[in-house]
Structure formats: C-alpha cells, structure tokens
Amino acid sequence: MQNTIVTNNPIVRDKYSENVLFIDGSVEQLLIKVRDLVHEGYELITHPLPASLRIMFSPYRSVIIGQKRGTADPLHVEIAEESVLKYKRQMSNREVDIKHNKDYQQIDLILLESALGDVTRV
C-alpha cells in the first residue's frame, strides 16, 4: 500500500520527496487540504492534529494519508473536519511560534518517522 505524506515541512519534503504532497503554506492550509482529500475518499493514517498542545503552535505539520478508496469514510471525514475547527479555535488565542522554526521542523520529522515506523509494523 502506498501512503502519502501531506506536509508543509521542507525537510520532510526533501527527505521523502517521492511520497510527499507539499503544501507551501500554513498548518491551517495543510489541514484544509487533508480535509479535502478525505472528502475525496483518501483514508487518514495519522491524526491531523498533534497529541501535544505545545506542538499545536508549531508552524509545521505532517499527516500520513492512505490510498483513495472511492468513497469517503464518515469517521475520517468527521476527524478531518473537527481538526480544522479545533485548530482554528485554538489558534485564535495564540500565535504560531516561528522563533523556533528549525526545532519544530526536526520535531515534526521525528514524530513523522515514529508514525511511519508504526505504519510499517502493522
């Protein structure tokens, strides 16, 4: 099965170039793209939002999606829709932390590689 990484992180794009859909934009734009892909029938492999509130303020995010199945999974649609809404709500009270861009790029890469390791073990 061929998975795709949807990311706005340049080091992820450079490292995994052939399996990447690069979003040249914000995390919000990335989440909207993931939501749109889920509506088209792609499955979510990883959750669009991070597990940590602190990482929510990162300017970088990578999400793994699976193959297009033809019809949208209602649970995946709900998760993708809620992720956009929760992100917007959370960020309405806080700014993206751009002072630590390089650190956030590395953290995103580490989290992605951990998820990729889990996906290949399934």
N, C-alpha and C. Protein backbone atom coordinates (compact mmCIF):
# COMPACT_ATOMS: atom_id res chain seq x y z
N MET A 1 0.84 -1.18 0.00
CA MET A 1 0.00 0.00 0.00
C MET A 1 0.89 1.24 0.00
N GLN A 2 0.57 2.18 -0.87
CA GLN A 2 1.34 3.41 -0.99
C GLN A 2 0.66 4.52 -0.18
N ASN A 3 1.35 5.00 0.84
CA ASN A 3 0.85 6.14 1.62
C ASN A 3 1.48 7.42 1.10
N THR A 4 0.83 8.52 1.40
CA THR A 4 1.33 9.84 1.02
C THR A 4 1.48 10.68 2.27
N ILE A 5 2.55 11.44 2.33
CA ILE A 5 2.78 12.38 3.42
C ILE A 5 2.35 13.76 2.93
N VAL A 6 1.38 14.34 3.61
CA VAL A 6 0.98 15.72 3.32
C VAL A 6 1.70 16.57 4.35
N THR A 7 2.54 17.48 3.88
CA THR A 7 3.39 18.24 4.79
C THR A 7 3.63 19.66 4.30
N ASN A 8 3.93 20.52 5.24
CA ASN A 8 4.43 21.85 4.89
C ASN A 8 5.86 22.02 5.42
N ASN A 9 6.46 20.91 5.80
CA ASN A 9 7.80 20.91 6.38
C ASN A 9 8.84 20.65 5.27
N PRO A 10 9.70 21.62 4.98
CA PRO A 10 10.66 21.44 3.89
C PRO A 10 11.64 20.28 4.09
N ILE A 11 12.02 19.96 5.32
CA ILE A 11 12.96 18.85 5.49
C ILE A 11 12.28 17.51 5.27
N VAL A 12 10.98 17.42 5.55
CA VAL A 12 10.23 16.20 5.23
C VAL A 12 10.11 16.08 3.72
N ARG A 13 9.79 17.17 3.06
CA ARG A 13 9.68 17.17 1.60
C ARG A 13 10.98 16.70 0.96
N ASP A 14 12.09 17.20 1.45
CA ASP A 14 13.38 16.84 0.87
C ASP A 14 13.76 15.40 1.15
N LYS A 15 13.42 14.89 2.31
CA LYS A 15 13.80 13.53 2.68
C LYS A 15 12.92 12.47 2.03
N TYR A 16 11.62 12.75 1.90
CA TYR A 16 10.66 11.78 1.37
C TYR A 16 10.02 12.29 0.09
N SER A 17 10.80 12.81 -0.82
CA SER A 17 10.32 13.56 -1.97
C SER A 17 9.29 12.84 -2.83
N GLU A 18 9.43 11.53 -3.05
CA GLU A 18 8.52 10.87 -3.98
C GLU A 18 7.16 10.53 -3.38
N ASN A 19 7.04 10.51 -2.06
CA ASN A 19 5.77 10.18 -1.42
C ASN A 19 5.14 11.37 -0.72
N VAL A 20 5.46 12.58 -1.19
CA VAL A 20 5.06 13.79 -0.46
C VAL A 20 4.16 14.67 -1.33
N LEU A 21 3.12 15.17 -0.69
CA LEU A 21 2.33 16.26 -1.24
C LEU A 21 2.69 17.47 -0.39
N PHE A 22 3.49 18.37 -0.97
CA PHE A 22 3.99 19.52 -0.22
C PHE A 22 3.01 20.67 -0.32
N ILE A 23 2.66 21.22 0.83
CA ILE A 23 1.79 22.39 0.92
C ILE A 23 2.68 23.57 1.27
N ASP A 24 2.79 24.50 0.37
CA ASP A 24 3.60 25.70 0.61
C ASP A 24 2.70 26.72 1.31
N GLY A 25 2.48 26.47 2.60
CA GLY A 25 1.57 27.33 3.34
C GLY A 25 1.54 26.98 4.81
N SER A 26 0.52 27.44 5.47
CA SER A 26 0.39 27.28 6.92
C SER A 26 -0.15 25.91 7.30
N VAL A 27 -0.13 25.63 8.59
CA VAL A 27 -0.72 24.39 9.10
C VAL A 27 -2.21 24.39 8.81
N GLU A 28 -2.86 25.52 8.95
CA GLU A 28 -4.30 25.59 8.65
C GLU A 28 -4.56 25.21 7.19
N GLN A 29 -3.76 25.72 6.27
CA GLN A 29 -3.92 25.36 4.86
C GLN A 29 -3.68 23.87 4.64
N LEU A 30 -2.71 23.31 5.34
CA LEU A 30 -2.43 21.89 5.26
C LEU A 30 -3.63 21.08 5.76
N LEU A 31 -4.19 21.46 6.89
CA LEU A 31 -5.34 20.74 7.45
C LEU A 31 -6.54 20.82 6.51
N ILE A 32 -6.73 21.95 5.87
CA ILE A 32 -7.83 22.08 4.90
C ILE A 32 -7.60 21.16 3.71
N LYS A 33 -6.36 21.05 3.25
CA LYS A 33 -6.05 20.15 2.14
C LYS A 33 -6.29 18.69 2.54
N VAL A 34 -5.86 18.32 3.75
CA VAL A 34 -6.10 16.96 4.24
C VAL A 34 -7.61 16.70 4.30
N ARG A 35 -8.36 17.66 4.84
CA ARG A 35 -9.82 17.52 4.90
C ARG A 35 -10.40 17.29 3.51
N ASP A 36 -9.95 18.08 2.54
CA ASP A 36 -10.46 17.94 1.17
C ASP A 36 -10.13 16.57 0.59
N LEU A 37 -8.92 16.08 0.84
CA LEU A 37 -8.52 14.76 0.35
C LEU A 37 -9.36 13.65 0.99
N VAL A 38 -9.66 13.80 2.27
CA VAL A 38 -10.50 12.81 2.96
C VAL A 38 -11.90 12.81 2.35
N HIS A 39 -12.41 13.98 2.02
CA HIS A 39 -13.72 14.07 1.35
C HIS A 39 -13.69 13.38 -0.01
N GLU A 40 -12.53 13.37 -0.66
CA GLU A 40 -12.39 12.70 -1.96
C GLU A 40 -12.27 11.19 -1.82
N GLY A 41 -12.12 10.68 -0.59
CA GLY A 41 -12.05 9.25 -0.38
C GLY A 41 -10.73 8.72 0.12
N TYR A 42 -9.76 9.59 0.37
CA TYR A 42 -8.48 9.13 0.93
C TYR A 42 -8.66 8.84 2.42
N GLU A 43 -7.95 7.83 2.90
CA GLU A 43 -8.07 7.47 4.31
C GLU A 43 -7.00 8.16 5.14
N LEU A 44 -7.34 8.47 6.37
CA LEU A 44 -6.36 9.03 7.31
C LEU A 44 -5.57 7.88 7.92
N ILE A 45 -4.28 8.00 7.89
CA ILE A 45 -3.42 7.02 8.56
C ILE A 45 -2.98 7.59 9.91
N THR A 46 -2.64 8.88 9.94
CA THR A 46 -2.32 9.54 11.20
C THR A 46 -3.32 10.65 11.44
N HIS A 47 -3.50 10.99 12.70
CA HIS A 47 -4.43 12.06 13.06
C HIS A 47 -3.87 13.40 12.59
N PRO A 48 -4.72 14.26 12.06
CA PRO A 48 -4.23 15.55 11.57
C PRO A 48 -3.68 16.48 12.65
N LEU A 49 -4.13 16.33 13.89
CA LEU A 49 -3.66 17.20 14.96
C LEU A 49 -2.62 16.50 15.82
N PRO A 50 -1.69 17.25 16.37
CA PRO A 50 -0.69 16.64 17.26
C PRO A 50 -1.30 16.28 18.61
N ALA A 51 -0.66 15.38 19.32
CA ALA A 51 -1.14 14.96 20.63
C ALA A 51 -0.83 16.00 21.71
N SER A 52 0.13 16.84 21.47
CA SER A 52 0.56 17.83 22.46
C SER A 52 0.06 19.22 22.09
N LEU A 53 -0.46 19.93 23.06
CA LEU A 53 -0.92 21.29 22.83
C LEU A 53 0.24 22.19 22.41
N ARG A 54 1.39 21.99 22.99
CA ARG A 54 2.56 22.81 22.66
C ARG A 54 2.94 22.66 21.18
N ILE A 55 2.85 21.45 20.67
CA ILE A 55 3.19 21.21 19.26
C ILE A 55 2.12 21.80 18.34
N MET A 56 0.93 22.06 18.88
CA MET A 56 -0.12 22.71 18.09
C MET A 56 0.35 24.08 17.58
N PHE A 57 1.24 24.73 18.31
CA PHE A 57 1.72 26.06 17.93
C PHE A 57 2.87 26.02 16.93
N SER A 58 3.27 24.83 16.54
CA SER A 58 4.33 24.66 15.55
C SER A 58 3.85 25.12 14.17
N PRO A 59 4.72 25.74 13.41
CA PRO A 59 4.35 26.13 12.05
C PRO A 59 4.44 24.98 11.04
N TYR A 60 4.79 23.75 11.52
CA TYR A 60 4.96 22.61 10.62
C TYR A 60 4.13 21.42 11.08
N ARG A 61 3.59 20.73 10.09
CA ARG A 61 2.80 19.53 10.39
C ARG A 61 2.90 18.58 9.22
N SER A 62 2.98 17.30 9.53
CA SER A 62 2.98 16.25 8.51
C SER A 62 1.91 15.24 8.88
N VAL A 63 1.09 14.87 7.90
CA VAL A 63 -0.01 13.93 8.10
C VAL A 63 0.12 12.84 7.04
N ILE A 64 -0.05 11.60 7.45
CA ILE A 64 0.01 10.48 6.50
C ILE A 64 -1.41 10.12 6.10
N ILE A 65 -1.62 10.04 4.79
CA ILE A 65 -2.90 9.57 4.27
C ILE A 65 -2.65 8.31 3.45
N GLY A 66 -3.66 7.48 3.37
CA GLY A 66 -3.56 6.24 2.60
C GLY A 66 -4.09 6.42 1.20
N GLN A 67 -4.38 5.30 0.58
CA GLN A 67 -4.86 5.32 -0.79
C GLN A 67 -6.30 5.81 -0.87
N LYS A 68 -6.66 6.26 -2.04
CA LYS A 68 -8.02 6.69 -2.30
C LYS A 68 -8.91 5.45 -2.40
N ARG A 69 -9.97 5.45 -1.63
CA ARG A 69 -10.86 4.29 -1.60
C ARG A 69 -12.12 4.49 -2.43
N GLY A 70 -12.33 5.67 -2.95
CA GLY A 70 -13.51 5.90 -3.76
C GLY A 70 -14.61 6.63 -3.02
N THR A 71 -14.95 6.14 -1.84
CA THR A 71 -15.97 6.82 -1.03
C THR A 71 -15.32 7.26 0.27
N ALA A 72 -15.80 8.37 0.77
CA ALA A 72 -15.23 8.92 2.00
C ALA A 72 -15.72 8.14 3.21
N ASP A 73 -14.81 7.84 4.11
CA ASP A 73 -15.14 7.19 5.37
C ASP A 73 -15.73 8.26 6.30
N PRO A 74 -16.97 8.08 6.78
CA PRO A 74 -17.60 9.11 7.63
C PRO A 74 -16.79 9.45 8.88
N LEU A 75 -16.14 8.47 9.49
CA LEU A 75 -15.33 8.75 10.67
C LEU A 75 -14.12 9.61 10.31
N HIS A 76 -13.47 9.31 9.21
CA HIS A 76 -12.32 10.09 8.78
C HIS A 76 -12.73 11.51 8.39
N VAL A 77 -13.89 11.64 7.77
CA VAL A 77 -14.41 12.97 7.43
C VAL A 77 -14.64 13.78 8.71
N GLU A 78 -15.25 13.15 9.71
CA GLU A 78 -15.51 13.85 10.97
C GLU A 78 -14.20 14.28 11.64
N ILE A 79 -13.22 13.39 11.66
CA ILE A 79 -11.92 13.71 12.27
C ILE A 79 -11.27 14.88 11.52
N ALA A 80 -11.27 14.83 10.21
CA ALA A 80 -10.64 15.89 9.41
C ALA A 80 -11.35 17.23 9.59
N GLU A 81 -12.67 17.20 9.57
CA GLU A 81 -13.45 18.44 9.76
C GLU A 81 -13.21 19.03 11.14
N GLU A 82 -13.27 18.18 12.16
CA GLU A 82 -13.07 18.64 13.54
C GLU A 82 -11.65 19.16 13.75
N SER A 83 -10.69 18.57 13.08
CA SER A 83 -9.30 19.02 13.21
C SER A 83 -9.13 20.46 12.74
N VAL A 84 -9.76 20.79 11.62
CA VAL A 84 -9.68 22.16 11.11
C VAL A 84 -10.32 23.11 12.11
N LEU A 85 -11.51 22.76 12.60
CA LEU A 85 -12.22 23.62 13.55
C LEU A 85 -11.45 23.78 14.86
N LYS A 86 -10.92 22.69 15.40
CA LYS A 86 -10.17 22.75 16.65
C LYS A 86 -8.90 23.58 16.49
N TYR A 87 -8.23 23.41 15.37
CA TYR A 87 -7.01 24.18 15.12
C TYR A 87 -7.34 25.68 15.07
N LYS A 88 -8.37 26.04 14.33
CA LYS A 88 -8.75 27.45 14.22
C LYS A 88 -9.13 28.02 15.59
N ARG A 89 -9.88 27.25 16.35
CA ARG A 89 -10.30 27.70 17.69
C ARG A 89 -9.09 27.90 18.59
N GLN A 90 -8.18 26.95 18.60
CA GLN A 90 -7.00 27.04 19.45
C GLN A 90 -6.09 28.19 19.04
N MET A 91 -5.93 28.37 17.75
CA MET A 91 -5.01 29.39 17.27
C MET A 91 -5.61 30.79 17.31
N SER A 92 -6.89 30.90 17.56
CA SER A 92 -7.49 32.23 17.69
C SER A 92 -7.00 32.93 18.95
N ASN A 93 -6.46 32.15 19.90
CA ASN A 93 -5.95 32.69 21.16
C ASN A 93 -4.43 32.75 21.22
N ARG A 94 -3.77 32.29 20.17
CA ARG A 94 -2.32 32.15 20.23
C ARG A 94 -1.71 32.31 18.85
N GLU A 95 -0.50 32.78 18.80
CA GLU A 95 0.24 32.92 17.54
C GLU A 95 1.07 31.67 17.28
N VAL A 96 1.33 31.40 16.01
CA VAL A 96 2.26 30.34 15.64
C VAL A 96 3.64 30.75 16.13
N ASP A 97 4.38 29.79 16.68
CA ASP A 97 5.71 30.05 17.21
C ASP A 97 6.74 29.92 16.09
N ILE A 98 7.13 31.05 15.50
CA ILE A 98 8.09 31.00 14.39
C ILE A 98 9.54 31.21 14.84
N LYS A 99 9.73 31.52 16.13
CA LYS A 99 11.09 31.74 16.62
C LYS A 99 11.93 30.47 16.59
N HIS A 100 11.27 29.33 16.67
CA HIS A 100 11.99 28.06 16.78
C HIS A 100 11.72 27.16 15.56
N ASN A 101 11.70 27.77 14.37
CA ASN A 101 11.37 27.05 13.15
C ASN A 101 12.18 25.77 12.95
N LYS A 102 13.48 25.86 13.06
CA LYS A 102 14.35 24.70 12.81
C LYS A 102 14.05 23.58 13.81
N ASP A 103 13.84 23.94 15.06
CA ASP A 103 13.50 22.93 16.07
C ASP A 103 12.17 22.26 15.74
N TYR A 104 11.17 23.04 15.35
CA TYR A 104 9.87 22.48 15.01
C TYR A 104 9.94 21.60 13.77
N GLN A 105 10.78 21.95 12.82
CA GLN A 105 10.96 21.09 11.65
C GLN A 105 11.49 19.73 12.07
N GLN A 106 12.49 19.73 12.95
CA GLN A 106 13.08 18.48 13.43
C GLN A 106 12.08 17.65 14.24
N ILE A 107 11.32 18.31 15.11
CA ILE A 107 10.32 17.61 15.92
C ILE A 107 9.27 16.97 15.01
N ASP A 108 8.80 17.71 14.02
CA ASP A 108 7.82 17.17 13.09
C ASP A 108 8.38 15.95 12.35
N LEU A 109 9.62 16.03 11.91
CA LEU A 109 10.26 14.91 11.23
C LEU A 109 10.36 13.69 12.14
N ILE A 110 10.75 13.90 13.38
CA ILE A 110 10.87 12.79 14.34
C ILE A 110 9.51 12.15 14.59
N LEU A 111 8.48 12.97 14.79
CA LEU A 111 7.13 12.43 15.00
C LEU A 111 6.64 11.67 13.78
N LEU A 112 6.90 12.21 12.60
CA LEU A 112 6.51 11.53 11.36
C LEU A 112 7.21 10.19 11.23
N GLU A 113 8.51 10.16 11.48
CA GLU A 113 9.26 8.91 11.33
C GLU A 113 8.81 7.87 12.35
N SER A 114 8.42 8.31 13.52
CA SER A 114 7.85 7.39 14.50
C SER A 114 6.55 6.79 13.97
N ALA A 115 5.70 7.64 13.41
CA ALA A 115 4.44 7.16 12.84
C ALA A 115 4.68 6.23 11.66
N LEU A 116 5.65 6.57 10.81
CA LEU A 116 5.97 5.70 9.68
C LEU A 116 6.45 4.33 10.16
N GLY A 117 7.20 4.31 11.24
CA GLY A 117 7.63 3.03 11.82
C GLY A 117 6.45 2.21 12.30
N ASP A 118 5.47 2.86 12.91
CA ASP A 118 4.26 2.16 13.35
C ASP A 118 3.46 1.64 12.18
N VAL A 119 3.35 2.42 11.12
CA VAL A 119 2.57 2.03 9.95
C VAL A 119 3.18 0.81 9.29
N THR A 120 4.50 0.74 9.20
CA THR A 120 5.14 -0.40 8.54
C THR A 120 5.09 -1.66 9.39
N ARG A 121 4.87 -1.52 10.70
CA ARG A 121 4.78 -2.69 11.56
C ARG A 121 3.38 -3.30 11.56
N VAL A 122 2.42 -2.61 11.04
CA VAL A 122 1.03 -3.10 11.04
C VAL A 122 0.86 -4.17 10.03
